Amino acid sequence: MKKITDERLVLQNLKNIRIAYIIQTVGILGILGYDLVTKGLDGMRENPLWLVFILTTAISAYLSMSISADHESNKINPQKSLSISLVVIVFISTVVGFFVSLTDGFDIIDGVIMGGILFICGFIPIVYIYSLRKKRQDADE
């Protein structure tokens, strides 16, 4: 099979892939929604499509981050953006952990665990976007 070199055909191929991805995602959401209604939340999460949906959403988000980092203006300082993002994620995870520990049925350990999980889930994308911005800044210089 020959590689497509015409830019119009490459763009059309990408549009076709996007449409197929949207239809696939709507189908997965429909199946998961049906499981949610009939089997409840636990039944929905037991479906293997749940894992497929979560993985494809996470991968799509990371791929979108790489495109958006290339599209940004060069005025963004990666170090300043990293430090602001870290301060915000530490604040948010601390506040959530504090309120979880105040909730009935949860203690301080549960609040620390919840805040820690939230921090880790926010820290990974922050470091990833920082590395993309730093790499682009180094390439521009």
N, C-alpha and C. Protein backbone atom coordinates (compact mmCIF):
# COMPACT_ATOMS: atom_id res chain seq x y z
N MET A 1 0.84 -1.16 0.00
CA MET A 1 0.00 0.00 0.00
C MET A 1 0.89 1.24 0.00
N LYS A 2 0.60 2.17 -0.86
CA LYS A 2 1.40 3.38 -0.97
C LYS A 2 1.00 4.40 0.10
N LYS A 3 1.98 5.15 0.57
CA LYS A 3 1.73 6.18 1.55
C LYS A 3 1.06 7.37 0.86
N ILE A 4 0.06 7.95 1.53
CA ILE A 4 -0.65 9.09 0.99
C ILE A 4 0.22 10.33 1.13
N THR A 5 0.46 11.02 0.01
CA THR A 5 1.29 12.22 0.04
C THR A 5 0.50 13.49 -0.22
N ASP A 6 -0.68 13.38 -0.79
CA ASP A 6 -1.51 14.54 -1.06
C ASP A 6 -2.08 15.06 0.26
N GLU A 7 -1.84 16.34 0.55
CA GLU A 7 -2.26 16.91 1.82
C GLU A 7 -3.77 16.91 1.99
N ARG A 8 -4.50 17.10 0.92
CA ARG A 8 -5.97 17.09 1.01
C ARG A 8 -6.46 15.70 1.41
N LEU A 9 -5.85 14.66 0.86
CA LEU A 9 -6.26 13.30 1.20
C LEU A 9 -5.85 12.94 2.63
N VAL A 10 -4.71 13.42 3.07
CA VAL A 10 -4.28 13.18 4.45
C VAL A 10 -5.26 13.84 5.41
N LEU A 11 -5.65 15.08 5.11
CA LEU A 11 -6.61 15.79 5.95
C LEU A 11 -7.96 15.07 5.96
N GLN A 12 -8.42 14.62 4.81
CA GLN A 12 -9.69 13.89 4.73
C GLN A 12 -9.60 12.58 5.51
N ASN A 13 -8.47 11.90 5.45
CA ASN A 13 -8.27 10.67 6.20
C ASN A 13 -8.34 10.94 7.70
N LEU A 14 -7.73 12.03 8.15
CA LEU A 14 -7.79 12.39 9.57
C LEU A 14 -9.21 12.73 10.00
N LYS A 15 -9.97 13.40 9.13
CA LYS A 15 -11.37 13.69 9.44
C LYS A 15 -12.18 12.41 9.55
N ASN A 16 -11.90 11.45 8.67
CA ASN A 16 -12.61 10.17 8.73
C ASN A 16 -12.29 9.43 10.02
N ILE A 17 -11.04 9.46 10.44
CA ILE A 17 -10.64 8.81 11.70
C ILE A 17 -11.34 9.49 12.87
N ARG A 18 -11.42 10.81 12.84
CA ARG A 18 -12.09 11.55 13.91
C ARG A 18 -13.57 11.17 13.99
N ILE A 19 -14.23 11.07 12.84
CA ILE A 19 -15.65 10.69 12.83
C ILE A 19 -15.82 9.27 13.37
N ALA A 20 -14.95 8.35 12.98
CA ALA A 20 -15.02 6.97 13.48
C ALA A 20 -14.80 6.94 15.00
N TYR A 21 -13.88 7.74 15.50
CA TYR A 21 -13.61 7.80 16.94
C TYR A 21 -14.83 8.33 17.68
N ILE A 22 -15.48 9.35 17.12
CA ILE A 22 -16.67 9.92 17.77
C ILE A 22 -17.79 8.89 17.83
N ILE A 23 -18.01 8.19 16.71
CA ILE A 23 -19.05 7.17 16.68
C ILE A 23 -18.74 6.05 17.66
N GLN A 24 -17.48 5.65 17.74
CA GLN A 24 -17.07 4.60 18.68
C GLN A 24 -17.30 5.05 20.11
N THR A 25 -16.96 6.28 20.42
CA THR A 25 -17.13 6.79 21.78
C THR A 25 -18.61 6.89 22.15
N VAL A 26 -19.43 7.35 21.22
CA VAL A 26 -20.86 7.42 21.49
C VAL A 26 -21.42 6.01 21.73
N GLY A 27 -20.97 5.03 20.96
CA GLY A 27 -21.41 3.65 21.16
C GLY A 27 -21.00 3.11 22.51
N ILE A 28 -19.76 3.37 22.90
CA ILE A 28 -19.29 2.91 24.21
C ILE A 28 -20.09 3.59 25.33
N LEU A 29 -20.32 4.90 25.19
CA LEU A 29 -21.11 5.60 26.21
C LEU A 29 -22.54 5.07 26.26
N GLY A 30 -23.10 4.71 25.12
CA GLY A 30 -24.44 4.13 25.10
C GLY A 30 -24.50 2.81 25.84
N ILE A 31 -23.52 1.95 25.58
CA ILE A 31 -23.48 0.65 26.27
C ILE A 31 -23.26 0.83 27.76
N LEU A 32 -22.35 1.74 28.13
CA LEU A 32 -22.11 1.99 29.55
C LEU A 32 -23.33 2.63 30.21
N GLY A 33 -24.02 3.50 29.50
CA GLY A 33 -25.24 4.11 30.03
C GLY A 33 -26.32 3.07 30.26
N TYR A 34 -26.45 2.13 29.33
CA TYR A 34 -27.42 1.04 29.50
C TYR A 34 -27.06 0.19 30.72
N ASP A 35 -25.77 -0.11 30.88
CA ASP A 35 -25.34 -0.87 32.06
C ASP A 35 -25.59 -0.09 33.34
N LEU A 36 -25.41 1.23 33.29
CA LEU A 36 -25.65 2.06 34.47
C LEU A 36 -27.12 2.00 34.87
N VAL A 37 -28.00 2.07 33.89
CA VAL A 37 -29.43 2.06 34.19
C VAL A 37 -29.88 0.68 34.67
N THR A 38 -29.39 -0.38 34.03
CA THR A 38 -29.88 -1.72 34.37
C THR A 38 -29.15 -2.37 35.54
N LYS A 39 -27.84 -2.16 35.64
CA LYS A 39 -27.04 -2.86 36.65
C LYS A 39 -26.50 -1.95 37.75
N GLY A 40 -26.63 -0.64 37.58
CA GLY A 40 -26.11 0.30 38.56
C GLY A 40 -24.66 0.65 38.28
N LEU A 41 -24.10 1.49 39.14
CA LEU A 41 -22.74 1.99 38.95
C LEU A 41 -21.70 0.88 39.03
N ASP A 42 -21.86 -0.04 39.96
CA ASP A 42 -20.90 -1.14 40.08
C ASP A 42 -20.94 -2.05 38.87
N GLY A 43 -22.12 -2.32 38.35
CA GLY A 43 -22.24 -3.15 37.15
C GLY A 43 -21.62 -2.49 35.94
N MET A 44 -21.75 -1.16 35.85
CA MET A 44 -21.15 -0.44 34.73
C MET A 44 -19.63 -0.51 34.80
N ARG A 45 -19.08 -0.35 36.00
CA ARG A 45 -17.63 -0.37 36.13
C ARG A 45 -17.04 -1.76 35.96
N GLU A 46 -17.83 -2.81 36.08
CA GLU A 46 -17.34 -4.17 35.85
C GLU A 46 -17.23 -4.49 34.36
N ASN A 47 -17.89 -3.72 33.53
CA ASN A 47 -17.85 -3.93 32.08
C ASN A 47 -16.46 -3.56 31.56
N PRO A 48 -15.83 -4.41 30.75
CA PRO A 48 -14.50 -4.09 30.20
C PRO A 48 -14.49 -2.83 29.33
N LEU A 49 -15.64 -2.44 28.80
CA LEU A 49 -15.69 -1.20 28.03
C LEU A 49 -15.38 0.02 28.89
N TRP A 50 -15.62 -0.08 30.18
CA TRP A 50 -15.29 1.03 31.09
C TRP A 50 -13.78 1.31 31.04
N LEU A 51 -12.99 0.25 31.10
CA LEU A 51 -11.53 0.41 31.04
C LEU A 51 -11.11 0.98 29.69
N VAL A 52 -11.72 0.48 28.61
CA VAL A 52 -11.41 0.99 27.27
C VAL A 52 -11.76 2.47 27.17
N PHE A 53 -12.91 2.85 27.70
CA PHE A 53 -13.33 4.25 27.66
C PHE A 53 -12.38 5.14 28.45
N ILE A 54 -12.01 4.72 29.65
CA ILE A 54 -11.11 5.52 30.48
C ILE A 54 -9.74 5.65 29.82
N LEU A 55 -9.20 4.56 29.27
CA LEU A 55 -7.89 4.61 28.62
C LEU A 55 -7.91 5.50 27.38
N THR A 56 -8.93 5.36 26.54
CA THR A 56 -8.96 6.18 25.33
C THR A 56 -9.16 7.65 25.66
N THR A 57 -9.92 7.94 26.69
CA THR A 57 -10.11 9.33 27.10
C THR A 57 -8.80 9.92 27.62
N ALA A 58 -8.08 9.17 28.43
CA ALA A 58 -6.80 9.66 28.96
C ALA A 58 -5.78 9.86 27.84
N ILE A 59 -5.69 8.91 26.93
CA ILE A 59 -4.75 9.03 25.81
C ILE A 59 -5.12 10.20 24.92
N SER A 60 -6.39 10.36 24.66
CA SER A 60 -6.85 11.49 23.85
C SER A 60 -6.51 12.82 24.52
N ALA A 61 -6.66 12.89 25.82
CA ALA A 61 -6.33 14.12 26.55
C ALA A 61 -4.84 14.43 26.46
N TYR A 62 -3.99 13.41 26.62
CA TYR A 62 -2.55 13.65 26.54
C TYR A 62 -2.12 14.04 25.12
N LEU A 63 -2.72 13.44 24.11
CA LEU A 63 -2.41 13.81 22.73
C LEU A 63 -2.86 15.24 22.44
N SER A 64 -4.00 15.63 22.99
CA SER A 64 -4.48 17.00 22.82
C SER A 64 -3.55 17.99 23.52
N MET A 65 -2.99 17.58 24.65
CA MET A 65 -2.05 18.47 25.35
C MET A 65 -0.82 18.74 24.50
N SER A 66 -0.32 17.72 23.81
CA SER A 66 0.87 17.93 22.99
C SER A 66 0.57 18.87 21.83
N ILE A 67 -0.62 18.80 21.26
CA ILE A 67 -0.99 19.71 20.18
C ILE A 67 -1.18 21.12 20.72
N SER A 68 -1.85 21.25 21.85
CA SER A 68 -2.08 22.59 22.39
C SER A 68 -0.79 23.25 22.85
N ALA A 69 0.17 22.47 23.32
CA ALA A 69 1.47 23.05 23.72
C ALA A 69 2.21 23.59 22.51
N ASP A 70 2.08 22.93 21.37
CA ASP A 70 2.71 23.43 20.15
C ASP A 70 1.99 24.64 19.60
N HIS A 71 0.71 24.77 19.90
CA HIS A 71 -0.10 25.87 19.36
C HIS A 71 0.00 27.14 20.19
N GLU A 72 0.47 27.03 21.43
CA GLU A 72 0.55 28.19 22.33
C GLU A 72 1.54 29.22 21.80
N SER A 73 1.35 30.44 22.28
CA SER A 73 2.31 31.48 21.92
C SER A 73 3.60 31.26 22.71
N ASN A 74 4.68 31.80 22.23
CA ASN A 74 5.98 31.60 22.87
C ASN A 74 6.15 32.44 24.13
N LYS A 75 5.18 33.25 24.49
CA LYS A 75 5.30 34.13 25.64
C LYS A 75 5.16 33.39 26.97
N ILE A 76 4.68 32.16 26.95
CA ILE A 76 4.48 31.40 28.19
C ILE A 76 5.82 30.87 28.68
N ASN A 77 6.16 31.23 29.92
CA ASN A 77 7.39 30.76 30.54
C ASN A 77 7.09 29.40 31.20
N PRO A 78 7.76 28.33 30.77
CA PRO A 78 7.44 27.00 31.32
C PRO A 78 7.66 26.89 32.83
N GLN A 79 8.72 27.53 33.35
CA GLN A 79 8.99 27.43 34.79
C GLN A 79 7.92 28.15 35.60
N LYS A 80 7.52 29.34 35.13
CA LYS A 80 6.50 30.10 35.84
C LYS A 80 5.17 29.36 35.79
N SER A 81 4.83 28.81 34.66
CA SER A 81 3.60 28.05 34.51
C SER A 81 3.61 26.81 35.40
N LEU A 82 4.76 26.14 35.49
CA LEU A 82 4.89 24.96 36.35
C LEU A 82 4.67 25.33 37.81
N SER A 83 5.31 26.40 38.27
CA SER A 83 5.18 26.77 39.68
C SER A 83 3.76 27.22 40.01
N ILE A 84 3.11 27.96 39.12
CA ILE A 84 1.73 28.37 39.37
C ILE A 84 0.82 27.13 39.43
N SER A 85 1.01 26.22 38.48
CA SER A 85 0.19 25.00 38.45
C SER A 85 0.40 24.16 39.70
N LEU A 86 1.64 24.06 40.16
CA LEU A 86 1.91 23.27 41.37
C LEU A 86 1.27 23.90 42.60
N VAL A 87 1.33 25.22 42.70
CA VAL A 87 0.69 25.89 43.84
C VAL A 87 -0.81 25.65 43.81
N VAL A 88 -1.42 25.75 42.63
CA VAL A 88 -2.86 25.54 42.51
C VAL A 88 -3.23 24.10 42.86
N ILE A 89 -2.49 23.12 42.36
CA ILE A 89 -2.85 21.72 42.64
C ILE A 89 -2.61 21.37 44.11
N VAL A 90 -1.59 21.93 44.73
CA VAL A 90 -1.38 21.70 46.17
C VAL A 90 -2.53 22.32 46.96
N PHE A 91 -2.95 23.52 46.59
CA PHE A 91 -4.07 24.17 47.28
C PHE A 91 -5.35 23.36 47.14
N ILE A 92 -5.67 22.95 45.91
CA ILE A 92 -6.90 22.20 45.67
C ILE A 92 -6.89 20.86 46.41
N SER A 93 -5.77 20.14 46.33
CA SER A 93 -5.71 18.83 46.99
C SER A 93 -5.76 18.98 48.51
N THR A 94 -5.18 20.04 49.04
CA THR A 94 -5.24 20.28 50.49
C THR A 94 -6.66 20.59 50.94
N VAL A 95 -7.34 21.45 50.18
CA VAL A 95 -8.72 21.81 50.54
C VAL A 95 -9.63 20.59 50.45
N VAL A 96 -9.50 19.80 49.39
CA VAL A 96 -10.33 18.60 49.24
C VAL A 96 -10.02 17.61 50.36
N GLY A 97 -8.75 17.40 50.65
CA GLY A 97 -8.38 16.49 51.73
C GLY A 97 -8.91 16.95 53.08
N PHE A 98 -8.89 18.27 53.31
CA PHE A 98 -9.41 18.82 54.56
C PHE A 98 -10.91 18.57 54.68
N PHE A 99 -11.65 18.86 53.60
CA PHE A 99 -13.09 18.67 53.66
C PHE A 99 -13.49 17.20 53.72
N VAL A 100 -12.71 16.34 53.12
CA VAL A 100 -12.99 14.90 53.24
C VAL A 100 -12.79 14.45 54.68
N SER A 101 -11.75 14.96 55.33
CA SER A 101 -11.50 14.56 56.72
C SER A 101 -12.59 15.09 57.67
N LEU A 102 -13.27 16.18 57.30
CA LEU A 102 -14.36 16.70 58.12
C LEU A 102 -15.68 15.96 57.90
N THR A 103 -15.78 15.22 56.81
CA THR A 103 -17.02 14.52 56.48
C THR A 103 -17.24 13.36 57.44
N ASP A 104 -18.52 13.15 57.81
CA ASP A 104 -18.85 12.03 58.69
C ASP A 104 -18.49 10.71 58.03
N GLY A 105 -17.89 9.82 58.78
CA GLY A 105 -17.51 8.51 58.26
C GLY A 105 -16.08 8.47 57.73
N PHE A 106 -15.43 9.61 57.63
CA PHE A 106 -14.04 9.67 57.18
C PHE A 106 -13.19 10.29 58.27
N ASP A 107 -11.93 9.85 58.34
CA ASP A 107 -11.02 10.45 59.31
C ASP A 107 -9.88 11.15 58.58
N ILE A 108 -8.88 11.59 59.31
CA ILE A 108 -7.78 12.37 58.74
C ILE A 108 -6.98 11.57 57.72
N ILE A 109 -6.84 10.26 57.95
CA ILE A 109 -6.10 9.40 57.02
C ILE A 109 -6.80 9.37 55.66
N ASP A 110 -8.14 9.26 55.69
CA ASP A 110 -8.89 9.25 54.43
C ASP A 110 -8.73 10.57 53.69
N GLY A 111 -8.71 11.67 54.43
CA GLY A 111 -8.50 12.98 53.81
C GLY A 111 -7.12 13.11 53.18
N VAL A 112 -6.11 12.59 53.87
CA VAL A 112 -4.74 12.63 53.33
C VAL A 112 -4.64 11.76 52.08
N ILE A 113 -5.25 10.59 52.12
CA ILE A 113 -5.21 9.69 50.96
C ILE A 113 -5.93 10.34 49.77
N MET A 114 -7.10 10.92 50.01
CA MET A 114 -7.86 11.54 48.93
C MET A 114 -7.11 12.75 48.36
N GLY A 115 -6.55 13.56 49.23
CA GLY A 115 -5.76 14.71 48.76
C GLY A 115 -4.51 14.26 48.02
N GLY A 116 -3.87 13.19 48.48
CA GLY A 116 -2.69 12.67 47.80
C GLY A 116 -3.00 12.12 46.43
N ILE A 117 -4.10 11.40 46.32
CA ILE A 117 -4.50 10.87 45.01
C ILE A 117 -4.82 12.00 44.06
N LEU A 118 -5.53 13.00 44.54
CA LEU A 118 -5.86 14.16 43.70
C LEU A 118 -4.59 14.90 43.28
N PHE A 119 -3.62 15.02 44.19
CA PHE A 119 -2.36 15.68 43.85
C PHE A 119 -1.60 14.90 42.77
N ILE A 120 -1.52 13.60 42.91
CA ILE A 120 -0.81 12.78 41.92
C ILE A 120 -1.49 12.86 40.56
N CYS A 121 -2.84 12.80 40.58
CA CYS A 121 -3.58 12.86 39.31
C CYS A 121 -3.43 14.22 38.64
N GLY A 122 -3.20 15.26 39.39
CA GLY A 122 -2.96 16.58 38.80
C GLY A 122 -1.50 16.81 38.47
N PHE A 123 -0.60 16.21 39.24
CA PHE A 123 0.84 16.43 39.07
C PHE A 123 1.36 15.84 37.76
N ILE A 124 0.87 14.67 37.38
CA ILE A 124 1.37 14.01 36.17
C ILE A 124 1.10 14.85 34.92
N PRO A 125 -0.13 15.34 34.68
CA PRO A 125 -0.32 16.20 33.50
C PRO A 125 0.44 17.52 33.57
N ILE A 126 0.61 18.05 34.77
CA ILE A 126 1.36 19.31 34.91
C ILE A 126 2.80 19.11 34.48
N VAL A 127 3.42 18.03 34.92
CA VAL A 127 4.81 17.76 34.54
C VAL A 127 4.91 17.45 33.05
N TYR A 128 3.92 16.75 32.51
CA TYR A 128 3.93 16.43 31.08
C TYR A 128 3.84 17.69 30.23
N ILE A 129 2.93 18.60 30.56
CA ILE A 129 2.79 19.82 29.77
C ILE A 129 4.03 20.71 29.95
N TYR A 130 4.64 20.67 31.15
CA TYR A 130 5.88 21.42 31.36
C TYR A 130 6.99 20.89 30.46
N SER A 131 7.10 19.56 30.37
CA SER A 131 8.15 19.00 29.52
C SER A 131 7.91 19.33 28.05
N LEU A 132 6.65 19.34 27.62
CA LEU A 132 6.34 19.72 26.24
C LEU A 132 6.70 21.19 25.98
N ARG A 133 6.35 22.07 26.92
CA ARG A 133 6.67 23.49 26.76
C ARG A 133 8.18 23.72 26.79
N LYS A 134 8.86 23.02 27.68
CA LYS A 134 10.33 23.17 27.78
C LYS A 134 11.00 22.67 26.50
N LYS A 135 10.54 21.54 25.97
CA LYS A 135 11.12 21.01 24.75
C LYS A 135 10.89 21.98 23.58
N ARG A 136 9.69 22.56 23.51
CA ARG A 136 9.41 23.52 22.45
C ARG A 136 10.25 24.79 22.61
N GLN A 137 10.42 25.23 23.86
CA GLN A 137 11.23 26.42 24.11
C GLN A 137 12.69 26.16 23.72
N ASP A 138 13.21 24.98 24.04
CA ASP A 138 14.59 24.64 23.67
C ASP A 138 14.75 24.54 22.15
N ALA A 139 13.72 24.03 21.47
CA ALA A 139 13.78 23.92 20.03
C ALA A 139 13.72 25.29 19.35
N ASP A 140 13.00 26.23 19.96
CA ASP A 140 12.89 27.58 19.40
C ASP A 140 14.20 28.36 19.54
N GLU A 141 14.98 28.03 20.57
CA GLU A 141 16.22 28.77 20.80
C GLU A 141 17.35 28.26 19.99
